[in-house]
Amino acid sequence: MLEEELKSRFAHYAAARIPGARNMKITQMSRIHGGASRQTYSIDLAYDDAHGPQTRGVILRRDPPDSLIDTERRVEFAAIQSAYGQYGIPVPEAMFLETSSDALGAPFFVMGRIEGGEPLNPFKMDAIEPHREAVGRQFFQHLGAIAALPVSGSALTREIDTPTPDACWKRELTYWTNEIRRNAKTPQPVAEAAIRHLERNPPPPAQRLSIVHGDYRTGNYLHDGNGKINAILDWEMAHIGDPYEDLAWATDLLWCGNDMERAAGFLPWPDAIRTWQSASGCVFDPAAFEWWSLFSHIKALGIWVTSEKAFADGANDDPILAWSGWFTHAAHELMLAMRLGQKYGVDL
């Protein structure tokens, strides 16, 4: 669908759903690149209502022909609803969900736009200075707060199943193992060795069942440039599971900016873990963290081989998929090989 047609159709859609809106216009619409699970647009609306002229910024998340991961828009929408207004977690308002393709040619949802923020590139962590510590404390505070969100009665539990505490690991490992085996275009011997190791050495049962963001990391939040995180984004991989999955993914070495002395490139590890523990109510378990940390590499490889396949097959021409299938795949495969080598006494 061409941009002008998309603008016209979205203006018609918004006018029908914002109470009292008249003379709806889109004054600006721009594509936000950088993620490939949905086509994301920032849109400025201008309209009249009973109170006079109004303006509002919204974010449109529209399904693409193919993506890095197979996600369900209902789940992302429900996850945002579950976190909105809870424990100070900065998430946008979930506004509209459309599961049919009639309005815009593909399913989509709309959320409010949080103003005044910009993402931080995980490969350019120095750009956060001199606010590294302040942002880092919020990073782990919000991560812990997500783990503390009530699961029972949440919007998310109406959309997905809830595993037992001892089944979280098996469900996630099975899912990402299948993603690798179904989508890899070449043999994945390092991944297969890691999968065998993880299957033979399962983690402790989850201390608690939590809402898991699924992709909480640098690059998926906005900060205001003055030391404040003002939006947590990209909830499309959310599910119910073990909060250690989020902690391990957030501190994966790929997102640390080559600073392994600081968790996620922000805080000394003891400070980061204390902040997360305090906010989550969990007690840090090194064995659980080690298992989920290794698993995070498998999860990453599952995403990267899927992105490579989508790009190589011509299903999605976003260049980030090609980059992910090349650079980040190679980086995670090397990390995984080195960690397995250390465990089995092999000097790589």
C-alpha atoms as a PDB file:
ATOM      1  CA  MET A   1       0.000   0.000   0.000  1.00  0.00           C
ATOM      2  CA  LEU A   2       1.376   3.432  -0.986  1.00  0.00           C
ATOM      3  CA  GLU A   3       1.942   5.965   1.773  1.00  0.00           C
ATOM      4  CA  GLU A   4      -0.707   8.417   0.567  1.00  0.00           C
ATOM      5  CA  GLU A   5      -3.320   5.690   0.493  1.00  0.00           C
ATOM      6  CA  LEU A   6      -2.258   4.514   3.950  1.00  0.00           C
ATOM      7  CA  LYS A   7      -2.597   8.080   5.290  1.00  0.00           C
ATOM      8  CA  SER A   8      -6.058   8.505   3.821  1.00  0.00           C
ATOM      9  CA  ARG A   9      -7.331   5.185   5.105  1.00  0.00           C
ATOM     10  CA  PHE A  10      -5.866   5.668   8.562  1.00  0.00           C
ATOM     11  CA  ALA A  11      -7.381   9.162   8.871  1.00  0.00           C
ATOM     12  CA  HIS A  12     -10.786   7.678   8.079  1.00  0.00           C
ATOM     13  CA  TYR A  13     -10.224   4.903  10.617  1.00  0.00           C
ATOM     14  CA  ALA A  14      -9.102   7.260  13.407  1.00  0.00           C
ATOM     15  CA  ALA A  15     -11.999   9.657  12.811  1.00  0.00           C
ATOM     16  CA  ALA A  16     -14.467   6.807  13.331  1.00  0.00           C
ATOM     17  CA  ARG A  17     -12.883   5.699  16.614  1.00  0.00           C
ATOM     18  CA  ILE A  18     -11.846   8.833  18.483  1.00  0.00           C
ATOM     19  CA  PRO A  19     -15.023  10.034  20.229  1.00  0.00           C
ATOM     20  CA  GLY A  20     -16.391  13.280  18.839  1.00  0.00           C
ATOM     21  CA  ALA A  21     -13.606  13.733  16.274  1.00  0.00           C
ATOM     22  CA  ARG A  22     -14.438  15.775  13.164  1.00  0.00           C
ATOM     23  CA  ASN A  23     -12.374  17.033  10.218  1.00  0.00           C
ATOM     24  CA  MET A  24      -9.656  14.442  10.868  1.00  0.00           C
ATOM     25  CA  LYS A  25      -6.337  15.120   9.129  1.00  0.00           C
ATOM     26  CA  ILE A  26      -2.895  13.547   9.252  1.00  0.00           C
ATOM     27  CA  THR A  27      -0.364  16.354   9.385  1.00  0.00           C
ATOM     28  CA  GLN A  28       2.686  14.094   9.496  1.00  0.00           C
ATOM     29  CA  MET A  29       3.394  10.404   9.037  1.00  0.00           C
ATOM     30  CA  SER A  30       6.866   8.863   9.025  1.00  0.00           C
ATOM     31  CA  ARG A  31       8.117   5.301   8.995  1.00  0.00           C
ATOM     32  CA  ILE A  32      10.221   4.283  11.984  1.00  0.00           C
ATOM     33  CA  HIS A  33      12.893   1.840  10.876  1.00  0.00           C
ATOM     34  CA  GLY A  34      15.076  -0.334  13.091  1.00  0.00           C
ATOM     35  CA  GLY A  35      12.701  -3.165  13.961  1.00  0.00           C
ATOM     36  CA  ALA A  36      11.338  -5.705  11.541  1.00  0.00           C
ATOM     37  CA  SER A  37       8.588  -7.507  13.401  1.00  0.00           C
ATOM     38  CA  ARG A  38       6.022  -4.857  12.446  1.00  0.00           C
ATOM     39  CA  GLN A  39       5.882  -1.819  10.175  1.00  0.00           C
ATOM     40  CA  THR A  40       5.909   1.119  12.591  1.00  0.00           C
ATOM     41  CA  TYR A  41       4.747   4.650  11.803  1.00  0.00           C
ATOM     42  CA  SER A  42       4.716   7.846  13.858  1.00  0.00           C
ATOM     43  CA  ILE A  43       1.583   9.845  13.030  1.00  0.00           C
ATOM     44  CA  ASP A  44       0.378  13.332  13.976  1.00  0.00           C
ATOM     45  CA  LEU A  45      -3.404  13.728  14.018  1.00  0.00           C
ATOM     46  CA  ALA A  46      -5.291  17.030  13.894  1.00  0.00           C
ATOM     47  CA  TYR A  47      -9.045  17.197  14.363  1.00  0.00           C
ATOM     48  CA  ASP A  48     -11.889  19.131  15.969  1.00  0.00           C
ATOM     49  CA  ASP A  49     -14.128  18.007  18.805  1.00  0.00           C
ATOM     50  CA  ALA A  50     -16.552  19.616  21.251  1.00  0.00           C
ATOM     51  CA  HIS A  51     -13.644  21.341  23.008  1.00  0.00           C
ATOM     52  CA  GLY A  52     -12.129  22.863  19.861  1.00  0.00           C
ATOM     53  CA  PRO A  53      -9.061  22.003  17.747  1.00  0.00           C
ATOM     54  CA  GLN A  54      -7.064  18.997  18.982  1.00  0.00           C
ATOM     55  CA  THR A  55      -3.766  17.355  18.092  1.00  0.00           C
ATOM     56  CA  ARG A  56      -2.515  13.939  19.084  1.00  0.00           C
ATOM     57  CA  GLY A  57       0.524  11.830  18.318  1.00  0.00           C
ATOM     58  CA  VAL A  58       0.040   8.089  17.842  1.00  0.00           C
ATOM     59  CA  ILE A  59       2.079   5.079  16.805  1.00  0.00           C
ATOM     60  CA  LEU A  60       0.753   2.640  14.213  1.00  0.00           C
ATOM     61  CA  ARG A  61       2.127  -0.910  14.306  1.00  0.00           C
ATOM     62  CA  ARG A  62       1.093  -2.738  11.121  1.00  0.00           C
ATOM     63  CA  ASP A  63       1.852  -6.327  10.209  1.00  0.00           C
ATOM     64  CA  PRO A  64       4.422  -6.727   7.401  1.00  0.00           C
ATOM     65  CA  PRO A  65       4.489  -9.494   4.766  1.00  0.00           C
ATOM     66  CA  ASP A  66       7.089 -11.335   6.860  1.00  0.00           C
ATOM     67  CA  SER A  67       9.127 -10.543   9.953  1.00  0.00           C
ATOM     68  CA  LEU A  68      11.997 -11.551  12.182  1.00  0.00           C
ATOM     69  CA  ILE A  69       9.628 -13.539  14.358  1.00  0.00           C
ATOM     70  CA  ASP A  70       6.096 -14.822  14.054  1.00  0.00           C
ATOM     71  CA  THR A  71       4.177 -12.633  16.470  1.00  0.00           C
ATOM     72  CA  GLU A  72       0.535 -12.123  17.352  1.00  0.00           C
ATOM     73  CA  ARG A  73      -0.672  -8.544  17.566  1.00  0.00           C
ATOM     74  CA  ARG A  74      -3.222  -9.463  20.243  1.00  0.00           C
ATOM     75  CA  VAL A  75      -0.381 -10.543  22.526  1.00  0.00           C
ATOM     76  CA  GLU A  76       1.617  -7.332  22.144  1.00  0.00           C
ATOM     77  CA  PHE A  77      -1.502  -5.228  22.638  1.00  0.00           C
ATOM     78  CA  ALA A  78      -2.478  -7.207  25.768  1.00  0.00           C
ATOM     79  CA  ALA A  79       1.056  -6.968  27.178  1.00  0.00           C
ATOM     80  CA  ILE A  80       1.018  -3.178  26.854  1.00  0.00           C
ATOM     81  CA  GLN A  81      -2.406  -3.096  28.507  1.00  0.00           C
ATOM     82  CA  SER A  82      -1.084  -5.253  31.357  1.00  0.00           C
ATOM     83  CA  ALA A  83       1.812  -2.880  32.097  1.00  0.00           C
ATOM     84  CA  TYR A  84       0.094   0.463  31.457  1.00  0.00           C
ATOM     85  CA  GLY A  85      -0.178   2.504  34.664  1.00  0.00           C
ATOM     86  CA  GLN A  86       1.543  -0.175  36.768  1.00  0.00           C
ATOM     87  CA  TYR A  87       4.551   0.310  39.088  1.00  0.00           C
ATOM     88  CA  GLY A  88       5.793   3.347  37.186  1.00  0.00           C
ATOM     89  CA  ILE A  89       6.619   1.313  34.079  1.00  0.00           C
ATOM     90  CA  PRO A  90       6.653   3.826  31.195  1.00  0.00           C
ATOM     91  CA  VAL A  91       4.520   2.261  28.478  1.00  0.00           C
ATOM     92  CA  PRO A  92       2.218   3.950  25.964  1.00  0.00           C
ATOM     93  CA  GLU A  93      -1.557   3.719  26.086  1.00  0.00           C
ATOM     94  CA  ALA A  94      -2.968   0.817  24.053  1.00  0.00           C
ATOM     95  CA  MET A  95      -5.699   2.478  21.952  1.00  0.00           C
ATOM     96  CA  PHE A  96      -7.053   0.333  19.093  1.00  0.00           C
ATOM     97  CA  LEU A  97      -6.575  -3.245  17.929  1.00  0.00           C
ATOM     98  CA  GLU A  98      -7.613  -4.484  14.481  1.00  0.00           C
ATOM     99  CA  THR A  99      -7.287  -8.160  13.590  1.00  0.00           C
ATOM    100  CA  SER A 100      -8.749  -7.891  10.073  1.00  0.00           C
ATOM    101  CA  SER A 101      -7.056  -6.474   6.976  1.00  0.00           C
ATOM    102  CA  ASP A 102     -10.029  -4.443   5.834  1.00  0.00           C
ATOM    103  CA  ALA A 103      -9.003  -1.016   7.124  1.00  0.00           C
ATOM    104  CA  LEU A 104      -5.304  -0.866   6.202  1.00  0.00           C
ATOM    105  CA  GLY A 105      -4.599  -3.964   4.143  1.00  0.00           C
ATOM    106  CA  ALA A 106      -3.108  -5.835   7.110  1.00  0.00           C
ATOM    107  CA  PRO A 107      -3.892  -6.281  10.822  1.00  0.00           C
ATOM    108  CA  PHE A 108      -2.524  -3.559  13.098  1.00  0.00           C
ATOM    109  CA  PHE A 109      -2.816  -1.795  16.408  1.00  0.00           C
ATOM    110  CA  VAL A 110      -2.489   1.808  17.536  1.00  0.00           C
ATOM    111  CA  MET A 111      -0.978   3.188  20.730  1.00  0.00           C
ATOM    112  CA  GLY A 112      -0.378   6.642  22.105  1.00  0.00           C
ATOM    113  CA  ARG A 113       2.974   8.229  21.327  1.00  0.00           C
ATOM    114  CA  ILE A 114       5.254   9.116  24.211  1.00  0.00           C
ATOM    115  CA  GLU A 115       6.949  12.381  23.337  1.00  0.00           C
ATOM    116  CA  GLY A 116      10.503  13.520  23.860  1.00  0.00           C
ATOM    117  CA  GLY A 117      12.393  10.264  23.654  1.00  0.00           C
ATOM    118  CA  GLU A 118      15.027   8.622  21.494  1.00  0.00           C
ATOM    119  CA  PRO A 119      16.424   5.080  21.397  1.00  0.00           C
ATOM    120  CA  LEU A 120      19.963   4.214  22.463  1.00  0.00           C
ATOM    121  CA  ASN A 121      22.023   2.165  20.039  1.00  0.00           C
ATOM    122  CA  PRO A 122      23.479  -0.811  21.975  1.00  0.00           C
ATOM    123  CA  PHE A 123      26.610  -0.563  19.829  1.00  0.00           C
ATOM    124  CA  LYS A 124      27.127   3.095  20.824  1.00  0.00           C
ATOM    125  CA  MET A 125      26.665   2.946  24.584  1.00  0.00           C
ATOM    126  CA  ASP A 126      28.971   5.904  25.220  1.00  0.00           C
ATOM    127  CA  ALA A 127      26.275   8.148  23.764  1.00  0.00           C
ATOM    128  CA  ILE A 128      24.365   7.881  27.065  1.00  0.00           C
ATOM    129  CA  GLU A 129      27.075   9.679  29.036  1.00  0.00           C
ATOM    130  CA  PRO A 130      26.991  11.425  31.473  1.00  0.00           C
ATOM    131  CA  HIS A 131      23.730   9.674  32.412  1.00  0.00           C
ATOM    132  CA  ARG A 132      24.893   6.059  32.249  1.00  0.00           C
ATOM    133  CA  GLU A 133      24.315   5.281  35.942  1.00  0.00           C
ATOM    134  CA  ALA A 134      20.939   7.032  36.161  1.00  0.00           C
ATOM    135  CA  VAL A 135      19.613   5.321  33.043  1.00  0.00           C
ATOM    136  CA  GLY A 136      21.094   2.024  34.171  1.00  0.00           C
ATOM    137  CA  ARG A 137      19.285   2.087  37.500  1.00  0.00           C
ATOM    138  CA  GLN A 138      15.986   2.801  35.763  1.00  0.00           C
ATOM    139  CA  PHE A 139      16.747   0.070  33.222  1.00  0.00           C
ATOM    140  CA  PHE A 140      16.994  -2.581  35.953  1.00  0.00           C
ATOM    141  CA  GLN A 141      14.250  -1.004  38.068  1.00  0.00           C
ATOM    142  CA  HIS A 142      11.758  -1.225  35.208  1.00  0.00           C
ATOM    143  CA  LEU A 143      12.929  -4.717  34.326  1.00  0.00           C
ATOM    144  CA  GLY A 144      12.271  -5.834  37.892  1.00  0.00           C
ATOM    145  CA  ALA A 145       8.923  -4.049  37.939  1.00  0.00           C
ATOM    146  CA  ILE A 146       7.808  -5.980  34.857  1.00  0.00           C
ATOM    147  CA  ALA A 147       8.677  -9.219  36.657  1.00  0.00           C
ATOM    148  CA  ALA A 148       6.554  -8.049  39.607  1.00  0.00           C
ATOM    149  CA  LEU A 149       3.454  -7.296  37.513  1.00  0.00           C
ATOM    150  CA  PRO A 150       0.418  -9.332  38.582  1.00  0.00           C
ATOM    151  CA  VAL A 151      -0.113 -12.259  36.240  1.00  0.00           C
ATOM    152  CA  SER A 152      -3.510 -13.395  37.450  1.00  0.00           C
ATOM    153  CA  GLY A 153      -6.271 -11.354  35.881  1.00  0.00           C
ATOM    154  CA  SER A 154      -3.932  -9.513  33.496  1.00  0.00           C
ATOM    155  CA  ALA A 155      -4.943  -8.835  29.915  1.00  0.00           C
ATOM    156  CA  LEU A 156      -2.060 -11.026  28.768  1.00  0.00           C
ATOM    157  CA  THR A 157      -3.397 -14.169  30.451  1.00  0.00           C
ATOM    158  CA  ARG A 158      -6.562 -13.856  28.364  1.00  0.00           C
ATOM    159  CA  GLU A 159      -4.501 -14.250  25.187  1.00  0.00           C
ATOM    160  CA  ILE A 160      -1.879 -16.885  26.005  1.00  0.00           C
ATOM    161  CA  ASP A 161      -1.371 -19.925  28.184  1.00  0.00           C
ATOM    162  CA  THR A 162       0.326 -19.932  31.577  1.00  0.00           C
ATOM    163  CA  PRO A 163       2.937 -22.679  32.103  1.00  0.00           C
ATOM    164  CA  THR A 164       3.803 -24.320  35.393  1.00  0.00           C
ATOM    165  CA  PRO A 165       6.989 -23.049  37.091  1.00  0.00           C
ATOM    166  CA  ASP A 166       8.927 -26.178  36.160  1.00  0.00           C
ATOM    167  CA  ALA A 167       7.840 -26.067  32.501  1.00  0.00           C
ATOM    168  CA  CYS A 168       8.928 -22.533  31.548  1.00  0.00           C
ATOM    169  CA  TRP A 169      12.381 -23.522  30.391  1.00  0.00           C
ATOM    170  CA  LYS A 170      11.233 -26.495  28.330  1.00  0.00           C
ATOM    171  CA  ARG A 171       8.552 -24.520  26.515  1.00  0.00           C
ATOM    172  CA  GLU A 172      10.937 -21.723  25.503  1.00  0.00           C
ATOM    173  CA  LEU A 173      13.798 -24.039  24.547  1.00  0.00           C
ATOM    174  CA  THR A 174      11.467 -26.172  22.431  1.00  0.00           C
ATOM    175  CA  TYR A 175      10.047 -23.145  20.661  1.00  0.00           C
ATOM    176  CA  TRP A 176      13.391 -21.603  19.720  1.00  0.00           C
ATOM    177  CA  THR A 177      14.929 -24.971  18.848  1.00  0.00           C
ATOM    178  CA  ASN A 178      12.112 -25.480  16.358  1.00  0.00           C
ATOM    179  CA  GLU A 179      12.643 -21.987  14.948  1.00  0.00           C
ATOM    180  CA  ILE A 180      16.312 -22.763  14.297  1.00  0.00           C
ATOM    181  CA  ARG A 181      15.673 -26.164  12.743  1.00  0.00           C
ATOM    182  CA  ARG A 182      12.799 -24.952  10.569  1.00  0.00           C
ATOM    183  CA  ASN A 183      14.425 -21.757   9.274  1.00  0.00           C
ATOM    184  CA  ALA A 184      18.203 -22.252   9.174  1.00  0.00           C
ATOM    185  CA  LYS A 185      19.517 -22.342   5.623  1.00  0.00           C
ATOM    186  CA  THR A 186      22.769 -24.026   6.690  1.00  0.00           C
ATOM    187  CA  PRO A 187      23.663 -26.545   9.429  1.00  0.00           C
ATOM    188  CA  GLN A 188      23.906 -25.058  12.940  1.00  0.00           C
ATOM    189  CA  PRO A 189      26.331 -27.331  14.840  1.00  0.00           C
ATOM    190  CA  VAL A 190      27.079 -24.820  17.631  1.00  0.00           C
ATOM    191  CA  ALA A 191      23.399 -24.243  18.283  1.00  0.00           C
ATOM    192  CA  GLU A 192      22.697 -27.981  18.305  1.00  0.00           C
ATOM    193  CA  ALA A 193      25.499 -28.592  20.815  1.00  0.00           C
ATOM    194  CA  ALA A 194      24.116 -25.864  23.080  1.00  0.00           C
ATOM    195  CA  ILE A 195      20.582 -27.238  22.790  1.00  0.00           C
ATOM    196  CA  ARG A 196      21.794 -30.676  23.929  1.00  0.00           C
ATOM    197  CA  HIS A 197      23.636 -29.113  26.858  1.00  0.00           C
ATOM    198  CA  LEU A 198      20.609 -27.097  27.958  1.00  0.00           C
ATOM    199  CA  GLU A 199      18.285 -30.096  27.684  1.00  0.00           C
ATOM    200  CA  ARG A 200      20.595 -32.239  29.814  1.00  0.00           C
ATOM    201  CA  ASN A 201      21.119 -29.539  32.443  1.00  0.00           C
ATOM    202  CA  PRO A 202      17.741 -27.870  33.110  1.00  0.00           C
ATOM    203  CA  PRO A 203      17.484 -24.819  35.385  1.00  0.00           C
ATOM    204  CA  PRO A 204      15.665 -24.671  38.733  1.00  0.00           C
ATOM    205  CA  PRO A 205      11.892 -24.158  38.459  1.00  0.00           C
ATOM    206  CA  ALA A 206      10.850 -20.519  38.166  1.00  0.00           C
ATOM    207  CA  GLN A 207      10.760 -18.779  41.557  1.00  0.00           C
ATOM    208  CA  ARG A 208       7.562 -17.142  40.356  1.00  0.00           C
ATOM    209  CA  LEU A 209       5.567 -16.877  37.152  1.00  0.00           C
ATOM    210  CA  SER A 210       5.899 -13.418  35.661  1.00  0.00           C
ATOM    211  CA  ILE A 211       5.011 -11.382  32.633  1.00  0.00           C
ATOM    212  CA  VAL A 212       8.113 -11.693  30.469  1.00  0.00           C
ATOM    213  CA  HIS A 213       8.705  -8.792  28.078  1.00  0.00           C
ATOM    214  CA  GLY A 214      10.685 -11.075  25.789  1.00  0.00           C
ATOM    215  CA  ASP A 215      12.899  -8.444  24.147  1.00  0.00           C
ATOM    216  CA  TYR A 216      13.850  -6.081  26.975  1.00  0.00           C
ATOM    217  CA  ARG A 217      17.206  -4.601  26.008  1.00  0.00           C
ATOM    218  CA  THR A 218      19.044  -1.461  25.012  1.00  0.00           C
ATOM    219  CA  GLY A 219      17.508  -0.299  21.750  1.00  0.00           C
ATOM    220  CA  ASN A 220      13.961  -1.106  22.848  1.00  0.00           C
ATOM    221  CA  TYR A 221      13.365   1.859  25.139  1.00  0.00           C
ATOM    222  CA  LEU A 222      13.394   5.619  24.737  1.00  0.00           C
ATOM    223  CA  HIS A 223      15.299   8.098  26.917  1.00  0.00           C
ATOM    224  CA  ASP A 224      14.955  11.856  27.121  1.00  0.00           C
ATOM    225  CA  GLY A 225      18.671  12.694  26.860  1.00  0.00           C
ATOM    226  CA  ASN A 226      18.756  13.898  30.461  1.00  0.00           C
ATOM    227  CA  GLY A 227      18.934  10.613  32.313  1.00  0.00           C
ATOM    228  CA  LYS A 228      15.326   9.426  32.200  1.00  0.00           C
ATOM    229  CA  ILE A 229      13.833   6.384  30.450  1.00  0.00           C
ATOM    230  CA  ASN A 230      10.417   7.496  29.267  1.00  0.00           C
ATOM    231  CA  ALA A 231       9.152   4.521  27.221  1.00  0.00           C
ATOM    232  CA  ILE A 232       9.571   0.739  27.170  1.00  0.00           C
ATOM    233  CA  LEU A 233       8.758  -0.502  23.664  1.00  0.00           C
ATOM    234  CA  ASP A 234       8.474  -3.639  21.508  1.00  0.00           C
ATOM    235  CA  TRP A 235       6.352  -6.025  23.581  1.00  0.00           C
ATOM    236  CA  GLU A 236       5.608  -8.387  20.686  1.00  0.00           C
ATOM    237  CA  MET A 237       7.483 -11.320  22.278  1.00  0.00           C
ATOM    238  CA  ALA A 238       5.739 -11.032  25.652  1.00  0.00           C
ATOM    239  CA  HIS A 239       4.534 -14.175  27.418  1.00  0.00           C
ATOM    240  CA  ILE A 240       4.134 -15.703  30.875  1.00  0.00           C
ATOM    241  CA  GLY A 241       7.258 -17.414  32.130  1.00  0.00           C
ATOM    242  CA  ASP A 242      10.406 -17.244  34.228  1.00  0.00           C
ATOM    243  CA  PRO A 243      11.617 -13.673  34.948  1.00  0.00           C
ATOM    244  CA  TYR A 244      15.202 -14.902  34.542  1.00  0.00           C
ATOM    245  CA  GLU A 245      14.559 -15.076  30.817  1.00  0.00           C
ATOM    246  CA  ASP A 246      14.221 -11.279  30.696  1.00  0.00           C
ATOM    247  CA  LEU A 247      17.181 -10.678  33.006  1.00  0.00           C
ATOM    248  CA  ALA A 248      19.434 -12.889  30.897  1.00  0.00           C
ATOM    249  CA  TRP A 249      18.315 -11.363  27.601  1.00  0.00           C
ATOM    250  CA  ALA A 250      18.669  -7.798  28.896  1.00  0.00           C
ATOM    251  CA  THR A 251      22.259  -8.507  29.958  1.00  0.00           C
ATOM    252  CA  ASP A 252      23.270 -10.566  26.923  1.00  0.00           C
ATOM    253  CA  LEU A 253      26.785  -9.632  25.860  1.00  0.00           C
ATOM    254  CA  LEU A 254      25.606  -8.372  22.472  1.00  0.00           C
ATOM    255  CA  TRP A 255      23.815  -5.475  24.164  1.00  0.00           C
ATOM    256  CA  CYS A 256      26.604  -4.491  26.586  1.00  0.00           C
ATOM    257  CA  GLY A 257      28.653  -2.327  24.221  1.00  0.00           C
ATOM    258  CA  ASN A 258      31.793  -4.458  24.770  1.00  0.00           C
ATOM    259  CA  ASP A 259      31.810  -3.534  28.470  1.00  0.00           C
ATOM    260  CA  MET A 260      31.527  -6.879  30.235  1.00  0.00           C
ATOM    261  CA  GLU A 261      32.307  -5.354  33.632  1.00  0.00           C
ATOM    262  CA  ARG A 262      28.928  -3.620  33.667  1.00  0.00           C
ATOM    263  CA  ALA A 263      25.583  -5.378  33.297  1.00  0.00           C
ATOM    264  CA  ALA A 264      23.974  -4.359  29.986  1.00  0.00           C
ATOM    265  CA  GLY A 265      26.817  -1.834  29.696  1.00  0.00           C
ATOM    266  CA  PHE A 266      25.315   0.270  32.507  1.00  0.00           C
ATOM    267  CA  LEU A 267      26.059  -0.710  36.104  1.00  0.00           C
ATOM    268  CA  PRO A 268      28.546  -2.907  37.935  1.00  0.00           C
ATOM    269  CA  TRP A 269      26.947  -6.339  38.108  1.00  0.00           C
ATOM    270  CA  PRO A 270      26.308  -6.341  41.887  1.00  0.00           C
ATOM    271  CA  ASP A 271      24.480  -2.989  41.659  1.00  0.00           C
ATOM    272  CA  ALA A 272      22.397  -4.147  38.706  1.00  0.00           C
ATOM    273  CA  ILE A 273      21.382  -7.390  40.404  1.00  0.00           C
ATOM    274  CA  ARG A 274      20.492  -5.600  43.656  1.00  0.00           C
ATOM    275  CA  THR A 275      18.296  -3.144  41.768  1.00  0.00           C
ATOM    276  CA  TRP A 276      16.541  -5.943  39.877  1.00  0.00           C
ATOM    277  CA  GLN A 277      16.043  -8.017  43.032  1.00  0.00           C
ATOM    278  CA  SER A 278      14.538  -5.115  44.930  1.00  0.00           C
ATOM    279  CA  ALA A 279      12.051  -4.281  42.182  1.00  0.00           C
ATOM    280  CA  SER A 280      11.141  -7.850  41.200  1.00  0.00           C
ATOM    281  CA  GLY A 281      10.960  -9.514  44.604  1.00  0.00           C
ATOM    282  CA  CYS A 282      13.088 -12.362  43.248  1.00  0.00           C
ATOM    283  CA  VAL A 283      16.206 -13.713  44.940  1.00  0.00           C
ATOM    284  CA  PHE A 284      19.140 -13.964  42.550  1.00  0.00           C
ATOM    285  CA  ASP A 285      20.032 -17.571  41.739  1.00  0.00           C
ATOM    286  CA  PRO A 286      23.352 -17.981  39.857  1.00  0.00           C
ATOM    287  CA  ALA A 287      22.355 -21.413  38.510  1.00  0.00           C
ATOM    288  CA  ALA A 288      19.103 -20.132  37.064  1.00  0.00           C
ATOM    289  CA  PHE A 289      20.817 -17.107  35.572  1.00  0.00           C
ATOM    290  CA  GLU A 290      23.561 -19.214  33.975  1.00  0.00           C
ATOM    291  CA  TRP A 291      21.059 -21.495  32.238  1.00  0.00           C
ATOM    292  CA  TRP A 292      18.921 -18.639  30.956  1.00  0.00           C
ATOM    293  CA  SER A 293      22.006 -16.712  29.881  1.00  0.00           C
ATOM    294  CA  LEU A 294      23.092 -19.595  27.652  1.00  0.00           C
ATOM    295  CA  PHE A 295      19.538 -19.963  26.441  1.00  0.00           C
ATOM    296  CA  SER A 296      19.500 -16.291  25.405  1.00  0.00           C
ATOM    297  CA  HIS A 297      22.104 -17.123  22.752  1.00  0.00           C
ATOM    298  CA  ILE A 298      19.860 -19.865  21.370  1.00  0.00           C
ATOM    299  CA  LYS A 299      16.899 -17.507  21.357  1.00  0.00           C
ATOM    300  CA  ALA A 300      19.019 -14.966  19.498  1.00  0.00           C
ATOM    301  CA  LEU A 301      20.132 -17.508  16.906  1.00  0.00           C
ATOM    302  CA  GLY A 302      16.497 -18.445  16.373  1.00  0.00           C
ATOM    303  CA  ILE A 303      15.706 -14.817  15.569  1.00  0.00           C
ATOM    304  CA  TRP A 304      18.740 -14.325  13.354  1.00  0.00           C
ATOM    305  CA  VAL A 305      18.251 -17.448  11.198  1.00  0.00           C
ATOM    306  CA  THR A 306      14.599 -16.520  10.757  1.00  0.00           C
ATOM    307  CA  SER A 307      15.577 -13.026   9.625  1.00  0.00           C
ATOM    308  CA  GLU A 308      18.119 -14.429   7.196  1.00  0.00           C
ATOM    309  CA  LYS A 309      15.528 -16.744   5.651  1.00  0.00           C
ATOM    310  CA  ALA A 310      12.922 -13.984   5.301  1.00  0.00           C
ATOM    311  CA  PHE A 311      15.409 -11.743   3.498  1.00  0.00           C
ATOM    312  CA  ALA A 312      16.976 -14.457   1.340  1.00  0.00           C
ATOM    313  CA  ASP A 313      13.557 -15.760   0.257  1.00  0.00           C
ATOM    314  CA  GLY A 314      12.448 -12.256  -0.740  1.00  0.00           C
ATOM    315  CA  ALA A 315       9.621 -12.173   1.795  1.00  0.00           C
ATOM    316  CA  ASN A 316      10.925  -8.988   3.434  1.00  0.00           C
ATOM    317  CA  ASP A 317      13.493  -6.619   1.938  1.00  0.00           C
ATOM    318  CA  ASP A 318      14.257  -4.639   5.112  1.00  0.00           C
ATOM    319  CA  PRO A 319      18.093  -4.516   5.267  1.00  0.00           C
ATOM    320  CA  ILE A 320      18.081  -5.074   9.024  1.00  0.00           C
ATOM    321  CA  LEU A 321      17.103  -8.681   8.342  1.00  0.00           C
ATOM    322  CA  ALA A 322      20.164  -9.220   6.149  1.00  0.00           C
ATOM    323  CA  TRP A 323      22.411  -7.588   8.761  1.00  0.00           C
ATOM    324  CA  SER A 324      20.890  -9.710  11.526  1.00  0.00           C
ATOM    325  CA  GLY A 325      21.369 -12.901   9.537  1.00  0.00           C
ATOM    326  CA  TRP A 326      25.022 -12.056   9.023  1.00  0.00           C
ATOM    327  CA  PHE A 327      26.619  -9.965  11.774  1.00  0.00           C
ATOM    328  CA  THR A 328      24.556 -10.663  14.876  1.00  0.00           C
ATOM    329  CA  HIS A 329      24.237 -14.344  13.997  1.00  0.00           C
ATOM    330  CA  ALA A 330      28.011 -14.675  13.768  1.00  0.00           C
ATOM    331  CA  ALA A 331      28.502 -12.743  17.027  1.00  0.00           C
ATOM    332  CA  HIS A 332      26.107 -14.921  19.017  1.00  0.00           C
ATOM    333  CA  GLU A 333      27.417 -18.141  17.508  1.00  0.00           C
ATOM    334  CA  LEU A 334      30.959 -17.206  18.558  1.00  0.00           C
ATOM    335  CA  MET A 335      29.832 -16.286  22.100  1.00  0.00           C
ATOM    336  CA  LEU A 336      28.010 -19.589  22.416  1.00  0.00           C
ATOM    337  CA  ALA A 337      30.943 -21.624  21.103  1.00  0.00           C
ATOM    338  CA  MET A 338      33.341 -19.972  23.557  1.00  0.00           C
ATOM    339  CA  ARG A 339      31.037 -20.546  26.540  1.00  0.00           C
ATOM    340  CA  LEU A 340      30.459 -24.170  25.631  1.00  0.00           C
ATOM    341  CA  GLY A 341      34.197 -24.621  25.189  1.00  0.00           C
ATOM    342  CA  GLN A 342      34.820 -23.285  28.685  1.00  0.00           C
ATOM    343  CA  LYS A 343      32.233 -25.652  30.150  1.00  0.00           C
ATOM    344  CA  TYR A 344      33.727 -28.702  28.452  1.00  0.00           C
ATOM    345  CA  GLY A 345      37.386 -27.752  28.798  1.00  0.00           C
ATOM    346  CA  VAL A 346      37.974 -26.904  25.156  1.00  0.00           C
ATOM    347  CA  ASP A 347      40.296 -23.968  24.438  1.00  0.00           C
ATOM    348  CA  LEU A 348      38.880 -22.013  21.498  1.00  0.00           C
END
